[in-house]
Amino acid sequence: MKQSIILLITLFLTTLIYCQNEFIVVAENGLFLRQEPNGKGKKIGKLYFGAEVSIIEKTENSQTIVDNGEKIEGNWVKINFQNFPTFISSAEYGYVFDGYLKRKTESVKEIENEIAKYSEFDELTLNTKITPFYLKGDFFGDKKNDIVILLKNSNGETKVGFINKGVETKIYILGNENDPFNITDYSWIGIFEKVNKGEVLWSNYEDDFIDFKDVPENKRIILNYNSLYMHASESCGGGFVFWKDEKFNWLQQE
């Protein structure tokens, strides 16, 4: 009995330490991974927004950065990471500025508090099994920073929630009965990314595969705001999702 209690305490402490060491990249445009612990170190990769990392070591190299008028203070830290679902670097580890890292537990709590404000999300919870589980950007073309969140219902079905932070906040949920793409479960999502404004959106499949060079100009979409790229991680299936003409649109990407 005594050994069982000791084992449970050890397991609890191990889990607690692991959770405390789990961080998420919160730099909206990603974070460079460097070979040395300073801003002049060689770039050896790039961490996407929402990437989960573990801090191995905190260095004595501190730095203060001014980002859009906001002062961000931190230290350079040694981290490790996973090259899944997106390849980051061939290196085993690297250094980043921790002013753009946040504990995963804090990020989860922050987004849980956000969705708790809206009754549309009452029957849904965060789906943190997919990385990243939320994105920030201007997804409606009004120059406001919106939030897109991966959620799940009691049956484990994944939904995609949009918080449109316009003049009047509006909520949209993909995966409900009125889904514009007739999809009720987005659990197939393995890659979940924000697409930068100005990038070309296109479909590579219309009855058959098509190369980009063969896509007509009138079927190439360029937006001056963000869109989404969602895809299965190990198989074909996915596409660009974007807001245009007061509705969600889809361009297939196999």
Protein backbone atom coordinates (compact mmCIF):
# COMPACT_ATOMS: atom_id res chain seq x y z
CA MET A 1 0.00 0.00 0.00
CA LYS A 2 2.82 2.36 0.97
CA GLN A 3 4.63 1.64 -2.31
CA SER A 4 1.44 2.38 -4.28
CA ILE A 5 1.05 5.76 -2.57
CA ILE A 6 4.70 6.64 -3.27
CA LEU A 7 4.24 5.61 -6.91
CA LEU A 8 1.14 7.80 -7.26
CA ILE A 9 2.90 10.79 -5.69
CA THR A 10 5.90 10.31 -7.99
CA LEU A 11 3.62 10.09 -11.03
CA PHE A 12 1.75 13.24 -9.96
CA LEU A 13 4.97 15.21 -9.43
CA THR A 14 6.39 14.02 -12.77
CA THR A 15 3.22 15.10 -14.58
CA LEU A 16 3.23 18.45 -12.76
CA ILE A 17 6.86 19.15 -13.68
CA TYR A 18 6.21 18.14 -17.30
CA CYS A 19 3.19 20.45 -17.57
CA GLN A 20 5.13 23.33 -16.03
CA ASN A 21 7.86 22.83 -18.65
CA GLU A 22 5.46 22.84 -21.62
CA PHE A 23 5.38 26.14 -23.49
CA ILE A 24 3.62 27.49 -26.56
CA VAL A 25 4.97 29.93 -29.14
CA VAL A 26 2.77 33.04 -29.08
CA ALA A 27 4.60 35.13 -31.70
CA GLU A 28 1.82 35.50 -34.29
CA ASN A 29 4.20 35.27 -37.25
CA GLY A 30 6.33 32.52 -35.75
CA LEU A 31 9.65 32.48 -33.92
CA PHE A 32 13.13 31.87 -35.33
CA LEU A 33 15.14 29.01 -33.86
CA ARG A 34 18.82 29.94 -33.56
CA GLN A 35 22.05 28.03 -33.13
CA GLU A 36 23.39 30.43 -30.49
CA PRO A 37 21.52 32.17 -27.63
CA ASN A 38 21.28 35.67 -29.11
CA GLY A 39 19.58 37.62 -31.88
CA LYS A 40 22.63 37.31 -34.14
CA GLY A 41 22.81 33.54 -33.87
CA LYS A 42 22.49 31.50 -37.05
CA LYS A 43 18.87 30.74 -37.97
CA ILE A 44 18.38 26.97 -38.03
CA GLY A 45 14.59 26.80 -38.20
CA LYS A 46 11.32 28.55 -37.55
CA LEU A 47 8.69 27.67 -34.97
CA TYR A 48 5.10 28.27 -36.04
CA PHE A 49 2.53 30.05 -33.86
CA GLY A 50 1.20 27.57 -31.32
CA ALA A 51 4.15 25.18 -31.58
CA GLU A 52 4.75 23.33 -28.32
CA VAL A 53 8.28 23.34 -26.93
CA SER A 54 10.10 22.30 -23.77
CA ILE A 55 12.72 24.48 -22.12
CA ILE A 56 15.93 22.58 -21.41
CA GLU A 57 17.97 25.44 -20.04
CA LYS A 58 17.59 29.14 -19.33
CA THR A 59 20.68 31.16 -20.28
CA GLU A 60 21.90 34.38 -18.68
CA ASN A 61 21.45 36.24 -21.97
CA SER A 62 18.57 38.66 -21.40
CA GLN A 63 17.01 40.94 -23.98
CA THR A 64 14.32 43.59 -24.32
CA ILE A 65 12.39 43.91 -27.58
CA VAL A 66 9.91 46.61 -28.60
CA ASP A 67 7.16 45.03 -30.72
CA ASN A 68 4.46 47.40 -32.03
CA GLY A 69 5.17 49.79 -29.18
CA GLU A 70 5.03 47.05 -26.54
CA LYS A 71 8.15 46.32 -24.49
CA ILE A 72 8.83 42.59 -24.23
CA GLU A 73 11.49 41.37 -21.81
CA GLY A 74 12.96 37.90 -21.57
CA ASN A 75 15.92 35.56 -21.77
CA TRP A 76 17.33 33.29 -24.40
CA VAL A 77 16.50 29.68 -23.61
CA LYS A 78 17.54 26.30 -24.97
CA ILE A 79 14.56 24.26 -26.17
CA ASN A 80 13.61 21.02 -27.83
CA PHE A 81 10.60 20.46 -30.04
CA GLN A 82 8.80 18.03 -32.34
CA ASN A 83 8.93 18.16 -36.14
CA PHE A 84 5.24 17.32 -36.30
CA PRO A 85 2.82 18.22 -37.75
CA THR A 86 5.12 20.81 -39.38
CA PHE A 87 8.86 20.41 -39.96
CA ILE A 88 10.80 22.96 -37.91
CA SER A 89 14.49 22.06 -38.10
CA SER A 90 16.89 19.16 -38.59
CA ALA A 91 18.66 20.23 -35.37
CA GLU A 92 17.89 18.37 -32.13
CA TYR A 93 17.56 21.61 -30.19
CA GLY A 94 18.04 25.36 -30.54
CA TYR A 95 17.69 28.72 -28.79
CA VAL A 96 14.77 31.15 -28.78
CA PHE A 97 13.81 34.37 -27.01
CA ASP A 98 11.36 33.35 -24.28
CA GLY A 99 9.47 36.65 -24.35
CA TYR A 100 7.38 34.98 -27.06
CA LEU A 101 6.75 31.79 -25.09
CA LYS A 102 3.83 31.17 -22.76
CA ARG A 103 3.13 28.19 -20.53
CA LYS A 104 0.64 25.89 -22.21
CA THR A 105 -1.50 25.84 -19.07
CA GLU A 106 -1.76 29.65 -19.23
CA SER A 107 -2.67 29.61 -22.94
CA VAL A 108 -5.35 26.99 -22.35
CA LYS A 109 -6.83 29.01 -19.49
CA GLU A 110 -6.75 32.21 -21.54
CA ILE A 111 -8.69 30.67 -24.44
CA GLU A 112 -11.09 28.87 -22.09
CA ASN A 113 -11.89 32.24 -20.50
CA GLU A 114 -12.43 33.72 -23.97
CA ILE A 115 -14.89 31.08 -25.18
CA ALA A 116 -16.74 31.23 -21.84
CA LYS A 117 -17.91 34.73 -22.82
CA TYR A 118 -20.10 33.41 -25.65
CA SER A 119 -23.13 31.16 -25.23
CA GLU A 120 -22.60 29.70 -28.71
CA PHE A 121 -19.72 27.68 -27.25
CA ASP A 122 -21.62 26.40 -24.19
CA GLU A 123 -21.65 22.76 -25.32
CA LEU A 124 -18.05 22.78 -26.58
CA THR A 125 -14.60 22.48 -25.02
CA LEU A 126 -11.08 23.11 -26.30
CA ASN A 127 -9.47 20.45 -28.47
CA THR A 128 -5.86 20.75 -27.34
CA LYS A 129 -4.77 17.50 -28.98
CA ILE A 130 -4.20 19.39 -32.23
CA THR A 131 -1.27 21.81 -32.40
CA PRO A 132 -1.88 24.71 -32.56
CA PHE A 133 -5.36 24.63 -31.04
CA TYR A 134 -6.04 28.30 -31.83
CA LEU A 135 -4.88 31.02 -34.24
CA LYS A 136 -5.02 34.81 -34.22
CA GLY A 137 -5.30 37.06 -37.26
CA ASP A 138 -7.55 39.28 -39.34
CA PHE A 139 -9.78 36.62 -40.91
CA PHE A 140 -12.68 38.92 -41.87
CA GLY A 141 -10.87 41.80 -43.57
CA ASP A 142 -11.76 44.48 -41.02
CA LYS A 143 -8.21 44.95 -39.65
CA LYS A 144 -9.27 43.48 -36.30
CA ASN A 145 -7.43 40.59 -34.63
CA ASP A 146 -9.84 37.65 -34.61
CA ILE A 147 -9.47 34.24 -32.95
CA VAL A 148 -10.05 30.82 -34.55
CA ILE A 149 -10.30 27.93 -32.10
CA LEU A 150 -10.43 24.15 -32.43
CA LEU A 151 -13.21 22.78 -30.23
CA LYS A 152 -14.92 19.46 -29.58
CA ASN A 153 -18.38 18.38 -28.48
CA SER A 154 -19.35 15.63 -26.04
CA ASN A 155 -19.09 13.05 -28.85
CA GLY A 156 -15.49 14.03 -29.54
CA GLU A 157 -16.33 15.69 -32.87
CA THR A 158 -14.06 18.61 -33.74
CA LYS A 159 -15.56 21.99 -34.61
CA VAL A 160 -13.86 25.20 -35.77
CA GLY A 161 -14.98 28.30 -33.89
CA PHE A 162 -14.45 31.85 -35.16
CA ILE A 163 -14.62 34.89 -32.89
CA ASN A 164 -14.98 37.82 -35.27
CA LYS A 165 -13.76 40.83 -33.29
CA GLY A 166 -15.38 43.39 -35.57
CA VAL A 167 -17.38 46.45 -34.55
CA GLU A 168 -19.85 43.94 -33.16
CA THR A 169 -18.42 40.58 -32.10
CA LYS A 170 -19.89 37.67 -34.08
CA ILE A 171 -19.49 33.93 -33.58
CA TYR A 172 -19.28 31.36 -36.38
CA ILE A 173 -18.85 27.61 -35.93
CA LEU A 174 -17.85 25.22 -38.70
CA GLY A 175 -19.00 21.65 -38.11
CA ASN A 176 -22.56 22.38 -37.00
CA GLU A 177 -25.67 21.35 -38.92
CA ASN A 178 -25.50 24.48 -41.08
CA ASP A 179 -21.86 23.92 -42.05
CA PRO A 180 -21.28 25.54 -45.50
CA PHE A 181 -19.12 22.60 -46.62
CA ASN A 182 -21.41 19.85 -45.26
CA ILE A 183 -18.73 18.73 -42.80
CA THR A 184 -19.87 17.82 -39.30
CA ASP A 185 -16.54 16.64 -37.86
CA TYR A 186 -13.17 18.31 -38.45
CA SER A 187 -11.21 15.73 -36.45
CA TRP A 188 -9.18 14.95 -39.59
CA ILE A 189 -7.30 18.24 -39.17
CA GLY A 190 -3.62 17.62 -38.55
CA ILE A 191 -2.20 20.80 -40.03
CA PHE A 192 -3.87 24.02 -38.89
CA GLU A 193 -2.21 27.22 -40.11
CA LYS A 194 -2.85 30.90 -40.66
CA VAL A 195 -2.22 32.00 -44.25
CA ASN A 196 -0.63 35.42 -44.60
CA LYS A 197 -2.43 38.14 -46.49
CA GLY A 198 -1.30 38.49 -50.10
CA GLU A 199 -0.58 34.79 -50.58
CA VAL A 200 -2.24 33.07 -53.52
CA LEU A 201 -5.08 30.69 -52.64
CA TRP A 202 -5.90 28.04 -55.21
CA SER A 203 -7.33 24.57 -55.68
CA ASN A 204 -5.03 21.77 -56.86
CA TYR A 205 -7.88 19.39 -57.58
CA GLU A 206 -10.86 19.80 -59.90
CA ASP A 207 -11.99 16.40 -61.21
CA ASP A 208 -8.25 15.64 -61.34
CA PHE A 209 -4.99 17.04 -59.99
CA ILE A 210 -3.89 20.37 -61.45
CA ASP A 211 -0.54 22.19 -61.23
CA PHE A 212 -0.40 25.79 -60.08
CA LYS A 213 0.84 26.96 -63.49
CA ASP A 214 -2.33 25.57 -65.06
CA VAL A 215 -4.72 27.36 -62.70
CA PRO A 216 -6.52 30.22 -64.54
CA GLU A 217 -5.99 33.71 -63.15
CA ASN A 218 -9.69 34.04 -62.31
CA LYS A 219 -9.38 31.01 -60.03
CA ARG A 220 -6.41 32.36 -58.09
CA ILE A 221 -7.57 34.20 -54.98
CA ILE A 222 -5.48 36.91 -53.32
CA LEU A 223 -6.79 38.51 -50.13
CA ASN A 224 -5.55 41.52 -48.18
CA TYR A 225 -6.34 39.68 -44.94
CA ASN A 226 -5.69 36.24 -43.46
CA SER A 227 -7.21 32.88 -44.31
CA LEU A 228 -6.87 29.32 -42.99
CA TYR A 229 -5.09 26.25 -44.30
CA MET A 230 -6.43 22.99 -42.88
CA HIS A 231 -5.19 19.57 -43.97
CA ALA A 232 -4.89 15.97 -42.84
CA SER A 233 -1.34 15.36 -41.59
CA GLU A 234 -0.72 11.92 -43.09
CA SER A 235 -3.05 11.73 -46.08
CA CYS A 236 -4.74 13.70 -48.83
CA GLY A 237 -7.60 15.99 -47.95
CA GLY A 238 -7.93 19.59 -46.88
CA GLY A 239 -8.03 23.07 -48.25
CA PHE A 240 -7.95 26.82 -47.84
CA VAL A 241 -10.86 28.32 -45.91
CA PHE A 242 -11.52 32.04 -46.27
CA TRP A 243 -14.21 34.65 -45.74
CA LYS A 244 -15.37 36.47 -48.86
CA ASP A 245 -18.70 37.88 -50.06
CA GLU A 246 -20.12 37.51 -46.52
CA LYS A 247 -19.60 33.74 -46.41
CA PHE A 248 -16.97 31.06 -45.90
CA ASN A 249 -15.35 29.65 -49.03
CA TRP A 250 -13.28 26.53 -49.67
CA LEU A 251 -10.50 25.74 -52.15
CA GLN A 252 -9.52 22.07 -52.23
CA GLN A 253 -5.91 21.03 -51.55
CA GLU A 254 -5.14 17.33 -51.92
